[in-house]
């Protein structure tokens, strides 16, 4: 589980636009059990999404899932840069 204080800070990011890998993205979800943050790219062409059988069904915006912590247990520096520095503890 994610620390309660950090989770509150991350919730403030949901719905906000952020820059990731040179693209404009929006934070759309926090995956507590996987300790990840989900971003949706808003400035890229939609990609084709397949159904459970691998058949192309629709076009959707590309998403990225970022791990909250690195292998040392430190908060991902990319995510840290999006948080308000006055709230980091």
PDB file of N, CA and C in Angstrom:
ATOM      1  N   UNK A   1       0.834  -1.189   0.000  1.00  0.00           N
ATOM      2  CA  UNK A   1       0.000   0.000   0.000  1.00  0.00           C
ATOM      3  C   UNK A   1       0.877   1.250   0.000  1.00  0.00           C
ATOM      4  N   UNK A   2       0.335   2.289  -0.582  1.00  0.00           N
ATOM      5  CA  UNK A   2       1.035   3.570  -0.671  1.00  0.00           C
ATOM      6  C   UNK A   2       0.784   4.347   0.612  1.00  0.00           C
ATOM      7  N   UNK A   3       1.821   5.019   1.118  1.00  0.00           N
ATOM      8  CA  UNK A   3       1.702   5.867   2.297  1.00  0.00           C
ATOM      9  C   UNK A   3       0.548   6.850   2.114  1.00  0.00           C
ATOM     10  N   UNK A   4      -0.228   7.063   3.177  1.00  0.00           N
ATOM     11  CA  UNK A   4      -1.425   7.906   3.110  1.00  0.00           C
ATOM     12  C   UNK A   4      -1.111   9.325   2.654  1.00  0.00           C
ATOM     13  N   UNK A   5      -0.036   9.922   3.179  1.00  0.00           N
ATOM     14  CA  UNK A   5       0.317  11.295   2.788  1.00  0.00           C
ATOM     15  C   UNK A   5       0.678  11.373   1.307  1.00  0.00           C
ATOM     16  N   UNK A   6       1.454  10.408   0.839  1.00  0.00           N
ATOM     17  CA  UNK A   6       1.830  10.388  -0.576  1.00  0.00           C
ATOM     18  C   UNK A   6       0.602  10.169  -1.445  1.00  0.00           C
ATOM     19  N   UNK A   7      -0.284   9.290  -1.024  1.00  0.00           N
ATOM     20  CA  UNK A   7      -1.498   9.015  -1.788  1.00  0.00           C
ATOM     21  C   UNK A   7      -2.340  10.282  -1.942  1.00  0.00           C
ATOM     22  N   UNK A   8      -2.431  11.085  -0.891  1.00  0.00           N
ATOM     23  CA  UNK A   8      -3.173  12.355  -0.977  1.00  0.00           C
ATOM     24  C   UNK A   8      -2.534  13.290  -1.992  1.00  0.00           C
ATOM     25  N   UNK A   9      -1.205  13.352  -1.998  1.00  0.00           N
ATOM     26  CA  UNK A   9      -0.504  14.206  -2.958  1.00  0.00           C
ATOM     27  C   UNK A   9      -0.724  13.714  -4.387  1.00  0.00           C
ATOM     28  N   UNK A  10      -0.677  12.408  -4.565  1.00  0.00           N
ATOM     29  CA  UNK A  10      -0.876  11.838  -5.899  1.00  0.00           C
ATOM     30  C   UNK A  10      -2.296  12.073  -6.398  1.00  0.00           C
ATOM     31  N   UNK A  11      -3.262  12.014  -5.509  1.00  0.00           N
ATOM     32  CA  UNK A  11      -4.659  12.248  -5.909  1.00  0.00           C
ATOM     33  C   UNK A  11      -4.850  13.649  -6.476  1.00  0.00           C
ATOM     34  N   UNK A  12      -4.055  14.600  -6.006  1.00  0.00           N
ATOM     35  CA  UNK A  12      -4.145  15.970  -6.536  1.00  0.00           C
ATOM     36  C   UNK A  12      -3.664  16.041  -7.982  1.00  0.00           C
ATOM     37  N   UNK A  13      -2.879  15.057  -8.403  1.00  0.00           N
ATOM     38  CA  UNK A  13      -2.389  15.031  -9.785  1.00  0.00           C
ATOM     39  C   UNK A  13      -3.429  14.507 -10.768  1.00  0.00           C
ATOM     40  N   UNK A  14      -4.376  13.706 -10.290  1.00  0.00           N
ATOM     41  CA  UNK A  14      -5.365  13.101 -11.187  1.00  0.00           C
ATOM     42  C   UNK A  14      -6.139  14.201 -11.908  1.00  0.00           C
ATOM     43  N   UNK A  15      -6.157  14.117 -13.233  1.00  0.00           N
ATOM     44  CA  UNK A  15      -6.835  15.110 -14.059  1.00  0.00           C
ATOM     45  C   UNK A  15      -5.929  16.235 -14.532  1.00  0.00           C
ATOM     46  N   UNK A  16      -4.714  16.321 -13.996  1.00  0.00           N
ATOM     47  CA  UNK A  16      -3.799  17.397 -14.385  1.00  0.00           C
ATOM     48  C   UNK A  16      -2.951  16.984 -15.576  1.00  0.00           C
ATOM     49  N   UNK A  17      -2.584  17.995 -16.375  1.00  0.00           N
ATOM     50  CA  UNK A  17      -1.695  17.770 -17.523  1.00  0.00           C
ATOM     51  C   UNK A  17      -0.258  17.808 -17.039  1.00  0.00           C
ATOM     52  N   UNK A  18       0.529  16.882 -17.560  1.00  0.00           N
ATOM     53  CA  UNK A  18       1.951  16.803 -17.233  1.00  0.00           C
ATOM     54  C   UNK A  18       2.724  16.519 -18.518  1.00  0.00           C
ATOM     55  N   UNK A  19       4.004  16.819 -18.501  1.00  0.00           N
ATOM     56  CA  UNK A  19       4.866  16.492 -19.642  1.00  0.00           C
ATOM     57  C   UNK A  19       5.579  15.188 -19.329  1.00  0.00           C
ATOM     58  N   UNK A  20       5.514  14.247 -20.273  1.00  0.00           N
ATOM     59  CA  UNK A  20       6.190  12.961 -20.087  1.00  0.00           C
ATOM     60  C   UNK A  20       6.788  12.521 -21.421  1.00  0.00           C
ATOM     61  N   UNK A  21       8.069  12.295 -21.439  1.00  0.00           N
ATOM     62  CA  UNK A  21       8.795  11.859 -22.645  1.00  0.00           C
ATOM     63  C   UNK A  21       8.516  12.761 -23.839  1.00  0.00           C
ATOM     64  N   UNK A  22       8.431  14.055 -23.587  1.00  0.00           N
ATOM     65  CA  UNK A  22       8.222  15.010 -24.663  1.00  0.00           C
ATOM     66  C   UNK A  22       6.792  15.122 -25.151  1.00  0.00           C
ATOM     67  N   UNK A  23       5.852  14.529 -24.438  1.00  0.00           N
ATOM     68  CA  UNK A  23       4.449  14.567 -24.843  1.00  0.00           C
ATOM     69  C   UNK A  23       3.582  15.156 -23.738  1.00  0.00           C
ATOM     70  N   UNK A  24       2.478  15.773 -24.150  1.00  0.00           N
ATOM     71  CA  UNK A  24       1.496  16.285 -23.195  1.00  0.00           C
ATOM     72  C   UNK A  24       0.594  15.126 -22.788  1.00  0.00           C
ATOM     73  N   UNK A  25       0.588  14.839 -21.506  1.00  0.00           N
ATOM     74  CA  UNK A  25      -0.208  13.729 -20.989  1.00  0.00           C
ATOM     75  C   UNK A  25      -1.092  14.231 -19.857  1.00  0.00           C
ATOM     76  N   UNK A  26      -2.048  13.405 -19.483  1.00  0.00           N
ATOM     77  CA  UNK A  26      -2.924  13.700 -18.355  1.00  0.00           C
ATOM     78  C   UNK A  26      -2.882  12.500 -17.413  1.00  0.00           C
ATOM     79  N   UNK A  27      -2.757  12.785 -16.109  1.00  0.00           N
ATOM     80  CA  UNK A  27      -2.793  11.721 -15.109  1.00  0.00           C
ATOM     81  C   UNK A  27      -4.241  11.271 -14.990  1.00  0.00           C
ATOM     82  N   UNK A  28      -4.496   9.976 -15.208  1.00  0.00           N
ATOM     83  CA  UNK A  28      -5.885   9.511 -15.189  1.00  0.00           C
ATOM     84  C   UNK A  28      -6.194   8.536 -14.055  1.00  0.00           C
ATOM     85  N   UNK A  29      -5.171   7.929 -13.455  1.00  0.00           N
ATOM     86  CA  UNK A  29      -5.479   6.943 -12.419  1.00  0.00           C
ATOM     87  C   UNK A  29      -4.257   6.631 -11.568  1.00  0.00           C
ATOM     88  N   UNK A  30      -4.521   6.280 -10.306  1.00  0.00           N
ATOM     89  CA  UNK A  30      -3.494   5.775  -9.399  1.00  0.00           C
ATOM     90  C   UNK A  30      -3.830   4.313  -9.146  1.00  0.00           C
ATOM     91  N   UNK A  31      -2.873   3.438  -9.381  1.00  0.00           N
ATOM     92  CA  UNK A  31      -3.078   2.014  -9.112  1.00  0.00           C
ATOM     93  C   UNK A  31      -2.364   1.678  -7.806  1.00  0.00           C
ATOM     94  N   UNK A  32      -3.103   1.731  -6.706  1.00  0.00           N
ATOM     95  CA  UNK A  32      -2.535   1.530  -5.373  1.00  0.00           C
ATOM     96  C   UNK A  32      -1.896   0.154  -5.240  1.00  0.00           C
ATOM     97  N   UNK A  33      -2.589  -0.879  -5.675  1.00  0.00           N
ATOM     98  CA  UNK A  33      -2.071  -2.245  -5.508  1.00  0.00           C
ATOM     99  C   UNK A  33      -0.805  -2.488  -6.329  1.00  0.00           C
ATOM    100  N   UNK A  34      -0.671  -1.798  -7.443  1.00  0.00           N
ATOM    101  CA  UNK A  34       0.511  -1.960  -8.294  1.00  0.00           C
ATOM    102  C   UNK A  34       1.537  -0.854  -8.084  1.00  0.00           C
ATOM    103  N   UNK A  35       1.206   0.095  -7.217  1.00  0.00           N
ATOM    104  CA  UNK A  35       2.082   1.238  -6.937  1.00  0.00           C
ATOM    105  C   UNK A  35       2.516   1.914  -8.229  1.00  0.00           C
ATOM    106  N   UNK A  36       1.511   2.293  -9.023  1.00  0.00           N
ATOM    107  CA  UNK A  36       1.759   2.895 -10.334  1.00  0.00           C
ATOM    108  C   UNK A  36       0.811   4.053 -10.591  1.00  0.00           C
ATOM    109  N   UNK A  37       1.198   4.877 -11.543  1.00  0.00           N
ATOM    110  CA  UNK A  37       0.405   6.015 -11.988  1.00  0.00           C
ATOM    111  C   UNK A  37       0.142   5.818 -13.476  1.00  0.00           C
ATOM    112  N   UNK A  38      -1.086   6.075 -13.919  1.00  0.00           N
ATOM    113  CA  UNK A  38      -1.442   5.880 -15.324  1.00  0.00           C
ATOM    114  C   UNK A  38      -1.605   7.242 -15.990  1.00  0.00           C
ATOM    115  N   UNK A  39      -0.948   7.414 -17.134  1.00  0.00           N
ATOM    116  CA  UNK A  39      -1.019   8.650 -17.917  1.00  0.00           C
ATOM    117  C   UNK A  39      -1.654   8.351 -19.262  1.00  0.00           C
ATOM    118  N   UNK A  40      -2.412   9.316 -19.782  1.00  0.00           N
ATOM    119  CA  UNK A  40      -2.976   9.211 -21.135  1.00  0.00           C
ATOM    120  C   UNK A  40      -2.359  10.318 -21.977  1.00  0.00           C
ATOM    121  N   UNK A  41      -1.740   9.954 -23.096  1.00  0.00           N
ATOM    122  CA  UNK A  41      -1.149  10.943 -24.002  1.00  0.00           C
ATOM    123  C   UNK A  41      -2.263  11.672 -24.737  1.00  0.00           C
ATOM    124  N   UNK A  42      -2.172  12.994 -24.764  1.00  0.00           N
ATOM    125  CA  UNK A  42      -3.222  13.779 -25.405  1.00  0.00           C
ATOM    126  C   UNK A  42      -2.783  14.425 -26.703  1.00  0.00           C
ATOM    127  N   UNK A  43      -1.491  14.387 -27.000  1.00  0.00           N
ATOM    128  CA  UNK A  43      -1.018  15.042 -28.221  1.00  0.00           C
ATOM    129  C   UNK A  43      -0.518  14.041 -29.265  1.00  0.00           C
ATOM    130  N   UNK A  44      -0.863  12.784 -29.106  1.00  0.00           N
ATOM    131  CA  UNK A  44      -0.457  11.755 -30.065  1.00  0.00           C
ATOM    132  C   UNK A  44      -1.686  11.185 -30.745  1.00  0.00           C
ATOM    133  N   UNK A  45      -1.463  10.598 -31.895  1.00  0.00           N
ATOM    134  CA  UNK A  45      -2.555   9.961 -32.625  1.00  0.00           C
ATOM    135  C   UNK A  45      -3.062   8.756 -31.833  1.00  0.00           C
ATOM    136  N   UNK A  46      -4.363   8.529 -31.838  1.00  0.00           N
ATOM    137  CA  UNK A  46      -4.896   7.338 -31.166  1.00  0.00           C
ATOM    138  C   UNK A  46      -4.323   6.060 -31.789  1.00  0.00           C
ATOM    139  N   UNK A  47      -4.223   5.034 -30.969  1.00  0.00           N
ATOM    140  CA  UNK A  47      -3.740   3.730 -31.427  1.00  0.00           C
ATOM    141  C   UNK A  47      -4.918   2.762 -31.484  1.00  0.00           C
ATOM    142  N   UNK A  48      -4.765   1.704 -32.253  1.00  0.00           N
ATOM    143  CA  UNK A  48      -5.835   0.713 -32.373  1.00  0.00           C
ATOM    144  C   UNK A  48      -5.772  -0.226 -31.172  1.00  0.00           C
ATOM    145  N   UNK A  49      -6.921  -0.400 -30.532  1.00  0.00           N
ATOM    146  CA  UNK A  49      -7.016  -1.292 -29.382  1.00  0.00           C
ATOM    147  C   UNK A  49      -7.718  -2.581 -29.801  1.00  0.00           C
ATOM    148  N   UNK A  50      -7.128  -3.684 -29.428  1.00  0.00           N
ATOM    149  CA  UNK A  50      -7.738  -4.970 -29.743  1.00  0.00           C
ATOM    150  C   UNK A  50      -8.605  -5.468 -28.603  1.00  0.00           C
ATOM    151  N   UNK A  51      -9.539  -6.341 -28.932  1.00  0.00           N
ATOM    152  CA  UNK A  51     -10.363  -6.950 -27.891  1.00  0.00           C
ATOM    153  C   UNK A  51      -9.646  -8.184 -27.342  1.00  0.00           C
ATOM    154  N   UNK A  52     -10.335  -8.972 -26.531  1.00  0.00           N
ATOM    155  CA  UNK A  52      -9.706 -10.134 -25.898  1.00  0.00           C
ATOM    156  C   UNK A  52      -9.261 -11.200 -26.893  1.00  0.00           C
ATOM    157  N   UNK A  53      -9.756 -11.116 -28.123  1.00  0.00           N
ATOM    158  CA  UNK A  53      -9.379 -12.076 -29.159  1.00  0.00           C
ATOM    159  C   UNK A  53      -8.316 -11.520 -30.106  1.00  0.00           C
ATOM    160  N   UNK A  54      -7.840 -10.304 -29.829  1.00  0.00           N
ATOM    161  CA  UNK A  54      -6.829  -9.687 -30.667  1.00  0.00           C
ATOM    162  C   UNK A  54      -7.370  -8.987 -31.893  1.00  0.00           C
ATOM    163  N   UNK A  55      -8.688  -8.878 -31.994  1.00  0.00           N
ATOM    164  CA  UNK A  55      -9.304  -8.207 -33.140  1.00  0.00           C
ATOM    165  C   UNK A  55      -9.356  -6.705 -32.882  1.00  0.00           C
ATOM    166  N   UNK A  56      -8.985  -5.930 -33.884  1.00  0.00           N
ATOM    167  CA  UNK A  56      -9.035  -4.470 -33.766  1.00  0.00           C
ATOM    168  C   UNK A  56     -10.484  -4.029 -33.576  1.00  0.00           C
ATOM    169  N   UNK A  57     -10.715  -3.227 -32.535  1.00  0.00           N
ATOM    170  CA  UNK A  57     -12.095  -2.819 -32.256  1.00  0.00           C
ATOM    171  C   UNK A  57     -12.305  -1.314 -32.250  1.00  0.00           C
ATOM    172  N   UNK A  58     -11.313  -0.571 -31.799  1.00  0.00           N
ATOM    173  CA  UNK A  58     -11.500   0.882 -31.719  1.00  0.00           C
ATOM    174  C   UNK A  58     -10.155   1.573 -31.572  1.00  0.00           C
ATOM    175  N   UNK A  59     -10.192   2.889 -31.730  1.00  0.00           N
ATOM    176  CA  UNK A  59      -8.995   3.704 -31.530  1.00  0.00           C
ATOM    177  C   UNK A  59      -9.086   4.386 -30.167  1.00  0.00           C
ATOM    178  N   UNK A  60      -7.975   4.371 -29.444  1.00  0.00           N
ATOM    179  CA  UNK A  60      -7.922   4.985 -28.117  1.00  0.00           C
ATOM    180  C   UNK A  60      -6.620   5.766 -27.983  1.00  0.00           C
ATOM    181  N   UNK A  61      -6.590   6.685 -27.042  1.00  0.00           N
ATOM    182  CA  UNK A  61      -5.363   7.420 -26.759  1.00  0.00           C
ATOM    183  C   UNK A  61      -4.368   6.472 -26.100  1.00  0.00           C
ATOM    184  N   UNK A  62      -3.107   6.654 -26.416  1.00  0.00           N
ATOM    185  CA  UNK A  62      -2.057   5.814 -25.847  1.00  0.00           C
ATOM    186  C   UNK A  62      -1.900   6.121 -24.364  1.00  0.00           C
ATOM    187  N   UNK A  63      -1.699   5.089 -23.563  1.00  0.00           N
ATOM    188  CA  UNK A  63      -1.509   5.242 -22.118  1.00  0.00           C
ATOM    189  C   UNK A  63      -0.136   4.722 -21.717  1.00  0.00           C
ATOM    190  N   UNK A  64       0.381   5.290 -20.634  1.00  0.00           N
ATOM    191  CA  UNK A  64       1.647   4.845 -20.045  1.00  0.00           C
ATOM    192  C   UNK A  64       1.398   4.568 -18.573  1.00  0.00           C
ATOM    193  N   UNK A  65       2.028   3.535 -18.059  1.00  0.00           N
ATOM    194  CA  UNK A  65       1.961   3.223 -16.634  1.00  0.00           C
ATOM    195  C   UNK A  65       3.353   3.426 -16.052  1.00  0.00           C
ATOM    196  N   UNK A  66       3.448   4.299 -15.050  1.00  0.00           N
ATOM    197  CA  UNK A  66       4.737   4.593 -14.422  1.00  0.00           C
ATOM    198  C   UNK A  66       4.777   4.003 -13.022  1.00  0.00           C
ATOM    199  N   UNK A  67       5.853   3.321 -12.695  1.00  0.00           N
ATOM    200  CA  UNK A  67       6.038   2.833 -11.332  1.00  0.00           C
ATOM    201  C   UNK A  67       6.278   4.038 -10.424  1.00  0.00           C
ATOM    202  N   UNK A  68       5.657   4.028  -9.249  1.00  0.00           N
ATOM    203  CA  UNK A  68       5.844   5.133  -8.314  1.00  0.00           C
ATOM    204  C   UNK A  68       7.246   5.148  -7.714  1.00  0.00           C
ATOM    205  N   UNK A  69       7.817   3.966  -7.525  1.00  0.00           N
ATOM    206  CA  UNK A  69       9.102   3.867  -6.835  1.00  0.00           C
ATOM    207  C   UNK A  69      10.137   3.170  -7.713  1.00  0.00           C
ATOM    208  N   UNK A  70      11.402   3.566  -7.521  1.00  0.00           N
ATOM    209  CA  UNK A  70      12.483   2.896  -8.239  1.00  0.00           C
ATOM    210  C   UNK A  70      12.903   1.643  -7.467  1.00  0.00           C
ATOM    211  N   UNK A  71      13.937   0.971  -7.941  1.00  0.00           N
ATOM    212  CA  UNK A  71      14.370  -0.279  -7.309  1.00  0.00           C
ATOM    213  C   UNK A  71      14.910  -0.087  -5.897  1.00  0.00           C
ATOM    214  N   UNK A  72      15.260   1.158  -5.524  1.00  0.00           N
ATOM    215  CA  UNK A  72      15.751   1.459  -4.171  1.00  0.00           C
ATOM    216  C   UNK A  72      14.634   1.900  -3.233  1.00  0.00           C
ATOM    217  N   UNK A  73      13.403   1.926  -3.741  1.00  0.00           N
ATOM    218  CA  UNK A  73      12.275   2.339  -2.911  1.00  0.00           C
ATOM    219  C   UNK A  73      12.066   3.845  -2.869  1.00  0.00           C
ATOM    220  N   UNK A  74      12.815   4.579  -3.689  1.00  0.00           N
ATOM    221  CA  UNK A  74      12.677   6.037  -3.748  1.00  0.00           C
ATOM    222  C   UNK A  74      11.585   6.403  -4.744  1.00  0.00           C
ATOM    223  N   UNK A  75      10.890   7.501  -4.463  1.00  0.00           N
ATOM    224  CA  UNK A  75       9.840   7.970  -5.357  1.00  0.00           C
ATOM    225  C   UNK A  75      10.435   8.295  -6.728  1.00  0.00           C
ATOM    226  N   UNK A  76       9.766   7.852  -7.767  1.00  0.00           N
ATOM    227  CA  UNK A  76      10.194   8.080  -9.145  1.00  0.00           C
ATOM    228  C   UNK A  76      10.470   9.576  -9.343  1.00  0.00           C
ATOM    229  N   UNK A  77      11.673   9.962  -9.800  1.00  0.00           N
ATOM    230  CA  UNK A  77      12.003  11.381  -9.950  1.00  0.00           C
ATOM    231  C   UNK A  77      11.099  12.122 -10.933  1.00  0.00           C
ATOM    232  N   UNK A  78      10.573  11.430 -11.926  1.00  0.00           N
ATOM    233  CA  UNK A  78       9.649  12.074 -12.867  1.00  0.00           C
ATOM    234  C   UNK A  78       8.380  12.480 -12.129  1.00  0.00           C
ATOM    235  N   UNK A  79       7.864  11.597 -11.314  1.00  0.00           N
ATOM    236  CA  UNK A  79       6.649  11.890 -10.543  1.00  0.00           C
ATOM    237  C   UNK A  79       6.939  12.955  -9.498  1.00  0.00           C
ATOM    238  N   UNK A  80       8.108  12.885  -8.873  1.00  0.00           N
ATOM    239  CA  UNK A  80       8.494  13.893  -7.882  1.00  0.00           C
ATOM    240  C   UNK A  80       8.461  15.289  -8.493  1.00  0.00           C
ATOM    241  N   UNK A  81       8.881  15.412  -9.744  1.00  0.00           N
ATOM    242  CA  UNK A  81       8.914  16.728 -10.395  1.00  0.00           C
ATOM    243  C   UNK A  81       7.515  17.300 -10.607  1.00  0.00           C
ATOM    244  N   UNK A  82       6.484  16.458 -10.613  1.00  0.00           N
ATOM    245  CA  UNK A  82       5.115  16.932 -10.804  1.00  0.00           C
ATOM    246  C   UNK A  82       4.446  17.334  -9.496  1.00  0.00           C
ATOM    247  N   UNK A  83       5.007  16.899  -8.361  1.00  0.00           N
ATOM    248  CA  UNK A  83       4.408  17.201  -7.063  1.00  0.00           C
ATOM    249  C   UNK A  83       4.845  18.573  -6.583  1.00  0.00           C
ATOM    250  N   UNK A  84       4.019  19.176  -5.754  1.00  0.00           N
ATOM    251  CA  UNK A  84       4.338  20.464  -5.144  1.00  0.00           C
ATOM    252  C   UNK A  84       5.477  20.245  -4.147  1.00  0.00           C
ATOM    253  N   UNK A  85       6.645  20.903  -4.347  1.00  0.00           N
ATOM    254  CA  UNK A  85       7.789  20.656  -3.467  1.00  0.00           C
ATOM    255  C   UNK A  85       7.514  20.990  -2.003  1.00  0.00           C
ATOM    256  N   UNK A  86       6.602  21.893  -1.733  1.00  0.00           N
ATOM    257  CA  UNK A  86       6.270  22.247  -0.357  1.00  0.00           C
ATOM    258  C   UNK A  86       5.544  21.144   0.380  1.00  0.00           C
ATOM    259  N   UNK A  87       5.011  20.174  -0.354  1.00  0.00           N
ATOM    260  CA  UNK A  87       4.251  19.101   0.278  1.00  0.00           C
ATOM    261  C   UNK A  87       5.052  17.817   0.422  1.00  0.00           C
ATOM    262  N   UNK A  88       6.231  17.750  -0.176  1.00  0.00           N
ATOM    263  CA  UNK A  88       7.046  16.538  -0.069  1.00  0.00           C
ATOM    264  C   UNK A  88       7.655  16.453   1.319  1.00  0.00           C
ATOM    265  N   UNK A  89       7.617  15.257   1.875  1.00  0.00           N
ATOM    266  CA  UNK A  89       8.183  15.052   3.215  1.00  0.00           C
ATOM    267  C   UNK A  89       9.178  13.937   3.166  1.00  0.00           C
TER     268      UNK A  89
END
